[in-house]
Amino acid sequence: MLWFGVLDESDQIPAIKWFRKQVNDSLKKIGFELQSQAYDHVLQGEERQETAVTAVGEYIARNPERAGLVDVDQFASYAYSGCVIPGYPEVRPFEPDYWDRFWRTYSHLRKTRMLRDEL
């Protein structure tokens, strides 16, 4: 999962702790939970540039390949890959214009500071 805040003052550490607890509470009901030693990393400085984020996104998307769940270069066909940008359900990963739309949406959300009436 690649998750980052839109606002400069976003603090992702408490956000991911909250998310992991909420998801685990739900998953436990069906006999699953997130791994206890997840690789959590907060992107810093140059890691937040478009090309770096795109590279991290592709690396994550290719996890099913590395796990042998799909053939090489078939990661886009993995049924459990996806993207959620609240308020923008039409933005879909693996579409040819995905990253362009993603960055335009991100820029818009930063510029408007995520005002509710903009969504």
N, C-alpha and C. Protein backbone atom coordinates (compact mmCIF):
# COMPACT_ATOMS: atom_id res chain seq x y z
N MET A 1 0.85 -1.16 0.00
CA MET A 1 0.00 0.00 0.00
C MET A 1 0.90 1.23 0.00
N LEU A 2 0.58 2.15 -0.85
CA LEU A 2 1.24 3.45 -0.87
C LEU A 2 0.21 4.46 -0.39
N TRP A 3 0.55 5.14 0.68
CA TRP A 3 -0.40 6.06 1.30
C TRP A 3 0.40 7.29 1.70
N PHE A 4 -0.09 8.45 1.30
CA PHE A 4 0.55 9.66 1.80
C PHE A 4 -0.46 10.77 1.91
N GLY A 5 -0.15 11.69 2.81
CA GLY A 5 -1.05 12.79 3.08
C GLY A 5 -0.98 13.86 2.01
N VAL A 6 -2.04 14.59 1.89
CA VAL A 6 -2.12 15.67 0.92
C VAL A 6 -1.58 16.96 1.52
N LEU A 7 -1.88 17.20 2.76
CA LEU A 7 -1.47 18.44 3.41
C LEU A 7 -0.08 18.29 4.04
N ASP A 8 0.69 19.37 4.05
CA ASP A 8 2.04 19.33 4.62
C ASP A 8 2.02 18.91 6.09
N GLU A 9 0.97 19.26 6.80
CA GLU A 9 0.91 18.94 8.23
C GLU A 9 0.35 17.55 8.51
N SER A 10 0.10 16.77 7.47
CA SER A 10 -0.37 15.39 7.65
C SER A 10 0.67 14.59 8.43
N ASP A 11 0.21 13.81 9.39
CA ASP A 11 1.11 12.94 10.16
C ASP A 11 0.68 11.50 9.91
N GLN A 12 1.43 10.81 9.08
CA GLN A 12 1.05 9.48 8.63
C GLN A 12 1.26 8.39 9.67
N ILE A 13 2.12 8.61 10.65
CA ILE A 13 2.38 7.57 11.66
C ILE A 13 1.11 7.25 12.46
N PRO A 14 0.45 8.24 13.08
CA PRO A 14 -0.80 7.89 13.79
C PRO A 14 -1.89 7.42 12.83
N ALA A 15 -1.88 7.94 11.61
CA ALA A 15 -2.90 7.53 10.64
C ALA A 15 -2.77 6.05 10.31
N ILE A 16 -1.56 5.57 10.07
CA ILE A 16 -1.38 4.17 9.72
C ILE A 16 -1.63 3.27 10.92
N LYS A 17 -1.30 3.73 12.13
CA LYS A 17 -1.60 2.94 13.33
C LYS A 17 -3.12 2.76 13.47
N TRP A 18 -3.85 3.86 13.26
CA TRP A 18 -5.31 3.79 13.33
C TRP A 18 -5.84 2.85 12.25
N PHE A 19 -5.34 3.02 11.02
CA PHE A 19 -5.78 2.18 9.91
C PHE A 19 -5.53 0.70 10.19
N ARG A 20 -4.32 0.36 10.63
CA ARG A 20 -3.99 -1.05 10.90
C ARG A 20 -4.93 -1.63 11.96
N LYS A 21 -5.23 -0.87 13.01
CA LYS A 21 -6.14 -1.37 14.04
C LYS A 21 -7.53 -1.61 13.48
N GLN A 22 -8.04 -0.63 12.73
CA GLN A 22 -9.38 -0.76 12.17
C GLN A 22 -9.48 -1.94 11.20
N VAL A 23 -8.49 -2.07 10.32
CA VAL A 23 -8.50 -3.15 9.34
C VAL A 23 -8.36 -4.49 10.04
N ASN A 24 -7.45 -4.59 11.01
CA ASN A 24 -7.28 -5.86 11.72
C ASN A 24 -8.54 -6.25 12.48
N ASP A 25 -9.24 -5.29 13.08
CA ASP A 25 -10.50 -5.61 13.75
C ASP A 25 -11.49 -6.25 12.78
N SER A 26 -11.55 -5.73 11.56
CA SER A 26 -12.45 -6.29 10.54
C SER A 26 -11.95 -7.63 10.03
N LEU A 27 -10.65 -7.71 9.74
CA LEU A 27 -10.09 -8.96 9.19
C LEU A 27 -10.19 -10.12 10.17
N LYS A 28 -10.02 -9.85 11.46
CA LYS A 28 -10.08 -10.91 12.47
C LYS A 28 -11.43 -11.62 12.45
N LYS A 29 -12.47 -10.91 12.06
CA LYS A 29 -13.82 -11.50 12.00
C LYS A 29 -13.90 -12.61 10.96
N ILE A 30 -12.99 -12.58 9.97
CA ILE A 30 -12.99 -13.63 8.95
C ILE A 30 -11.71 -14.48 9.01
N GLY A 31 -10.99 -14.38 10.13
CA GLY A 31 -9.85 -15.24 10.37
C GLY A 31 -8.53 -14.79 9.78
N PHE A 32 -8.38 -13.50 9.53
CA PHE A 32 -7.14 -12.97 8.97
C PHE A 32 -6.70 -11.74 9.77
N GLU A 33 -5.46 -11.32 9.53
CA GLU A 33 -4.98 -10.02 10.01
C GLU A 33 -3.74 -9.63 9.23
N LEU A 34 -3.44 -8.33 9.26
CA LEU A 34 -2.25 -7.84 8.58
C LEU A 34 -1.01 -8.41 9.26
N GLN A 35 0.07 -8.57 8.50
CA GLN A 35 1.30 -9.07 9.10
C GLN A 35 1.77 -8.12 10.18
N SER A 36 2.38 -8.66 11.23
CA SER A 36 2.75 -7.82 12.37
C SER A 36 3.98 -6.96 12.09
N GLN A 37 4.83 -7.36 11.19
CA GLN A 37 6.04 -6.60 10.89
C GLN A 37 5.98 -6.02 9.49
N ALA A 38 4.99 -5.24 9.23
CA ALA A 38 4.85 -4.61 7.92
C ALA A 38 6.01 -3.67 7.68
N TYR A 39 6.34 -3.46 6.43
CA TYR A 39 7.39 -2.51 6.08
C TYR A 39 6.73 -1.15 5.92
N ASP A 40 6.81 -0.34 6.96
CA ASP A 40 6.26 1.00 6.92
C ASP A 40 7.41 1.98 6.72
N HIS A 41 7.27 2.87 5.78
CA HIS A 41 8.30 3.85 5.50
C HIS A 41 7.63 5.16 5.11
N VAL A 42 8.00 6.23 5.75
CA VAL A 42 7.47 7.55 5.43
C VAL A 42 8.38 8.17 4.38
N LEU A 43 7.80 8.52 3.23
CA LEU A 43 8.56 9.12 2.15
C LEU A 43 9.05 10.50 2.57
N GLN A 44 10.33 10.76 2.32
CA GLN A 44 10.94 12.03 2.70
C GLN A 44 11.51 12.73 1.48
N GLY A 45 11.55 14.04 1.50
CA GLY A 45 12.22 14.85 0.50
C GLY A 45 12.04 14.40 -0.94
N GLU A 46 13.15 13.96 -1.55
CA GLU A 46 13.13 13.58 -2.96
C GLU A 46 12.29 12.33 -3.22
N GLU A 47 12.06 11.52 -2.19
CA GLU A 47 11.21 10.34 -2.35
C GLU A 47 9.77 10.73 -2.70
N ARG A 48 9.41 11.98 -2.44
CA ARG A 48 8.05 12.44 -2.70
C ARG A 48 7.91 13.10 -4.07
N GLN A 49 8.97 13.09 -4.86
CA GLN A 49 8.90 13.63 -6.22
C GLN A 49 8.12 12.65 -7.10
N GLU A 50 7.54 13.16 -8.17
CA GLU A 50 6.68 12.33 -9.02
C GLU A 50 7.35 11.05 -9.49
N THR A 51 8.56 11.14 -10.01
CA THR A 51 9.20 9.93 -10.54
C THR A 51 9.48 8.90 -9.45
N ALA A 52 9.85 9.36 -8.26
CA ALA A 52 10.12 8.44 -7.15
C ALA A 52 8.83 7.77 -6.68
N VAL A 53 7.75 8.54 -6.54
CA VAL A 53 6.47 7.97 -6.11
C VAL A 53 5.96 6.98 -7.15
N THR A 54 6.10 7.32 -8.42
CA THR A 54 5.69 6.41 -9.49
C THR A 54 6.47 5.09 -9.39
N ALA A 55 7.76 5.18 -9.14
CA ALA A 55 8.59 3.98 -9.01
C ALA A 55 8.16 3.13 -7.81
N VAL A 56 7.88 3.78 -6.69
CA VAL A 56 7.41 3.04 -5.51
C VAL A 56 6.05 2.39 -5.81
N GLY A 57 5.17 3.13 -6.48
CA GLY A 57 3.86 2.58 -6.85
C GLY A 57 4.00 1.34 -7.72
N GLU A 58 4.89 1.38 -8.69
CA GLU A 58 5.08 0.21 -9.55
C GLU A 58 5.71 -0.94 -8.77
N TYR A 59 6.66 -0.63 -7.91
CA TYR A 59 7.28 -1.67 -7.09
C TYR A 59 6.21 -2.41 -6.27
N ILE A 60 5.33 -1.64 -5.64
CA ILE A 60 4.26 -2.24 -4.84
C ILE A 60 3.31 -3.03 -5.72
N ALA A 61 2.94 -2.47 -6.87
CA ALA A 61 2.02 -3.15 -7.78
C ALA A 61 2.58 -4.48 -8.27
N ARG A 62 3.90 -4.58 -8.32
CA ARG A 62 4.54 -5.81 -8.79
C ARG A 62 4.72 -6.86 -7.69
N ASN A 63 4.28 -6.58 -6.48
CA ASN A 63 4.38 -7.58 -5.41
C ASN A 63 3.75 -8.92 -5.79
N PRO A 64 2.58 -8.95 -6.43
CA PRO A 64 2.01 -10.25 -6.82
C PRO A 64 2.92 -11.04 -7.78
N GLU A 65 3.68 -10.35 -8.61
CA GLU A 65 4.67 -11.03 -9.48
C GLU A 65 5.74 -11.70 -8.63
N ARG A 66 6.31 -10.92 -7.70
CA ARG A 66 7.39 -11.45 -6.87
C ARG A 66 6.92 -12.62 -6.02
N ALA A 67 5.65 -12.61 -5.65
CA ALA A 67 5.09 -13.69 -4.84
C ALA A 67 4.66 -14.88 -5.70
N GLY A 68 4.77 -14.76 -7.02
CA GLY A 68 4.37 -15.85 -7.91
C GLY A 68 2.87 -15.99 -8.09
N LEU A 69 2.13 -14.95 -7.74
CA LEU A 69 0.66 -15.00 -7.87
C LEU A 69 0.20 -14.69 -9.29
N VAL A 70 1.03 -13.99 -10.05
CA VAL A 70 0.76 -13.70 -11.47
C VAL A 70 2.06 -13.82 -12.23
N ASP A 71 1.97 -14.01 -13.53
CA ASP A 71 3.16 -14.09 -14.38
C ASP A 71 3.83 -12.72 -14.47
N VAL A 72 5.08 -12.72 -14.89
CA VAL A 72 5.84 -11.48 -15.08
C VAL A 72 5.10 -10.55 -16.04
N ASP A 73 5.05 -9.29 -15.68
CA ASP A 73 4.37 -8.23 -16.42
C ASP A 73 2.85 -8.41 -16.50
N GLN A 74 2.29 -9.23 -15.63
CA GLN A 74 0.84 -9.40 -15.55
C GLN A 74 0.28 -8.84 -14.24
N PHE A 75 1.08 -8.02 -13.56
CA PHE A 75 0.67 -7.50 -12.25
C PHE A 75 -0.64 -6.71 -12.33
N ALA A 76 -0.92 -6.07 -13.45
CA ALA A 76 -2.16 -5.28 -13.58
C ALA A 76 -3.40 -6.17 -13.58
N SER A 77 -3.22 -7.46 -13.83
CA SER A 77 -4.37 -8.37 -13.85
C SER A 77 -4.68 -8.94 -12.47
N TYR A 78 -3.85 -8.66 -11.48
CA TYR A 78 -4.08 -9.19 -10.14
C TYR A 78 -5.37 -8.60 -9.58
N ALA A 79 -6.28 -9.45 -9.19
CA ALA A 79 -7.64 -9.03 -8.80
C ALA A 79 -7.68 -8.14 -7.57
N TYR A 80 -6.66 -8.18 -6.73
CA TYR A 80 -6.71 -7.46 -5.47
C TYR A 80 -5.89 -6.18 -5.47
N SER A 81 -5.50 -5.71 -6.63
CA SER A 81 -4.81 -4.43 -6.75
C SER A 81 -5.84 -3.35 -6.99
N GLY A 82 -5.56 -2.16 -6.50
CA GLY A 82 -6.51 -1.08 -6.71
C GLY A 82 -5.98 0.25 -6.20
N CYS A 83 -6.85 1.22 -6.26
CA CYS A 83 -6.50 2.57 -5.85
C CYS A 83 -7.75 3.23 -5.30
N VAL A 84 -7.56 4.00 -4.25
CA VAL A 84 -8.66 4.77 -3.70
C VAL A 84 -8.18 6.20 -3.50
N ILE A 85 -8.82 7.12 -4.19
CA ILE A 85 -8.62 8.53 -3.95
C ILE A 85 -10.00 9.05 -3.58
N PRO A 86 -10.23 9.31 -2.27
CA PRO A 86 -11.56 9.73 -1.85
C PRO A 86 -12.10 10.88 -2.70
N GLY A 87 -13.31 10.67 -3.19
CA GLY A 87 -13.97 11.67 -4.02
C GLY A 87 -13.69 11.52 -5.50
N TYR A 88 -12.80 10.59 -5.86
CA TYR A 88 -12.41 10.40 -7.27
C TYR A 88 -12.45 8.91 -7.63
N PRO A 89 -13.62 8.29 -7.60
CA PRO A 89 -13.70 6.85 -7.86
C PRO A 89 -13.36 6.47 -9.30
N GLU A 90 -13.37 7.42 -10.20
CA GLU A 90 -13.09 7.10 -11.60
C GLU A 90 -11.60 6.98 -11.90
N VAL A 91 -10.73 7.35 -10.97
CA VAL A 91 -9.29 7.24 -11.18
C VAL A 91 -8.89 5.79 -10.90
N ARG A 92 -8.45 5.10 -11.94
CA ARG A 92 -8.15 3.67 -11.85
C ARG A 92 -6.68 3.39 -12.17
N PRO A 93 -6.03 2.58 -11.33
CA PRO A 93 -4.64 2.23 -11.63
C PRO A 93 -4.57 1.38 -12.90
N PHE A 94 -3.43 1.40 -13.53
CA PHE A 94 -3.13 0.61 -14.72
C PHE A 94 -3.80 1.14 -15.98
N GLU A 95 -4.55 2.23 -15.89
CA GLU A 95 -5.05 2.89 -17.10
C GLU A 95 -3.89 3.72 -17.65
N PRO A 96 -3.82 3.90 -18.96
CA PRO A 96 -2.69 4.63 -19.54
C PRO A 96 -2.47 6.03 -18.96
N ASP A 97 -3.54 6.71 -18.56
CA ASP A 97 -3.40 8.08 -18.04
C ASP A 97 -3.44 8.15 -16.51
N TYR A 98 -3.28 7.00 -15.85
CA TYR A 98 -3.44 6.96 -14.40
C TYR A 98 -2.54 7.97 -13.67
N TRP A 99 -1.22 7.92 -13.91
CA TRP A 99 -0.33 8.78 -13.14
C TRP A 99 -0.57 10.25 -13.44
N ASP A 100 -0.89 10.58 -14.66
CA ASP A 100 -1.21 11.96 -14.99
C ASP A 100 -2.44 12.41 -14.21
N ARG A 101 -3.47 11.60 -14.21
CA ARG A 101 -4.70 11.94 -13.47
C ARG A 101 -4.45 11.97 -11.97
N PHE A 102 -3.66 11.03 -11.49
CA PHE A 102 -3.34 11.00 -10.07
C PHE A 102 -2.68 12.30 -9.64
N TRP A 103 -1.64 12.74 -10.36
CA TRP A 103 -0.92 13.95 -9.97
C TRP A 103 -1.76 15.21 -10.15
N ARG A 104 -2.62 15.25 -11.15
CA ARG A 104 -3.51 16.41 -11.29
C ARG A 104 -4.49 16.45 -10.12
N THR A 105 -5.01 15.29 -9.72
CA THR A 105 -5.94 15.22 -8.59
C THR A 105 -5.23 15.61 -7.30
N TYR A 106 -4.04 15.08 -7.09
CA TYR A 106 -3.25 15.41 -5.90
C TYR A 106 -2.99 16.92 -5.84
N SER A 107 -2.58 17.50 -6.95
CA SER A 107 -2.31 18.94 -7.01
C SER A 107 -3.57 19.74 -6.68
N HIS A 108 -4.70 19.32 -7.23
CA HIS A 108 -5.96 20.01 -6.96
C HIS A 108 -6.31 19.93 -5.47
N LEU A 109 -6.16 18.75 -4.88
CA LEU A 109 -6.48 18.59 -3.46
C LEU A 109 -5.55 19.43 -2.58
N ARG A 110 -4.28 19.52 -2.94
CA ARG A 110 -3.35 20.36 -2.18
C ARG A 110 -3.71 21.83 -2.32
N LYS A 111 -4.04 22.25 -3.55
CA LYS A 111 -4.35 23.65 -3.80
C LYS A 111 -5.61 24.08 -3.05
N THR A 112 -6.62 23.22 -3.02
CA THR A 112 -7.88 23.57 -2.36
C THR A 112 -7.88 23.18 -0.89
N ARG A 113 -6.76 22.57 -0.46
CA ARG A 113 -6.64 22.08 0.92
C ARG A 113 -7.78 21.15 1.26
N MET A 114 -8.18 20.37 0.26
CA MET A 114 -9.20 19.33 0.42
C MET A 114 -10.53 19.86 0.91
N LEU A 115 -10.94 21.00 0.44
CA LEU A 115 -12.21 21.58 0.86
C LEU A 115 -13.35 20.64 0.47
N ARG A 116 -14.24 20.41 1.42
CA ARG A 116 -15.35 19.47 1.20
C ARG A 116 -16.17 19.83 -0.02
N ASP A 117 -16.44 21.10 -0.25
CA ASP A 117 -17.29 21.47 -1.37
C ASP A 117 -16.62 21.27 -2.72
N GLU A 118 -15.32 20.94 -2.73
CA GLU A 118 -14.61 20.66 -3.97
C GLU A 118 -14.76 19.20 -4.37
N LEU A 119 -15.14 18.33 -3.44
CA LEU A 119 -15.20 16.90 -3.72
C LEU A 119 -16.48 16.49 -4.38
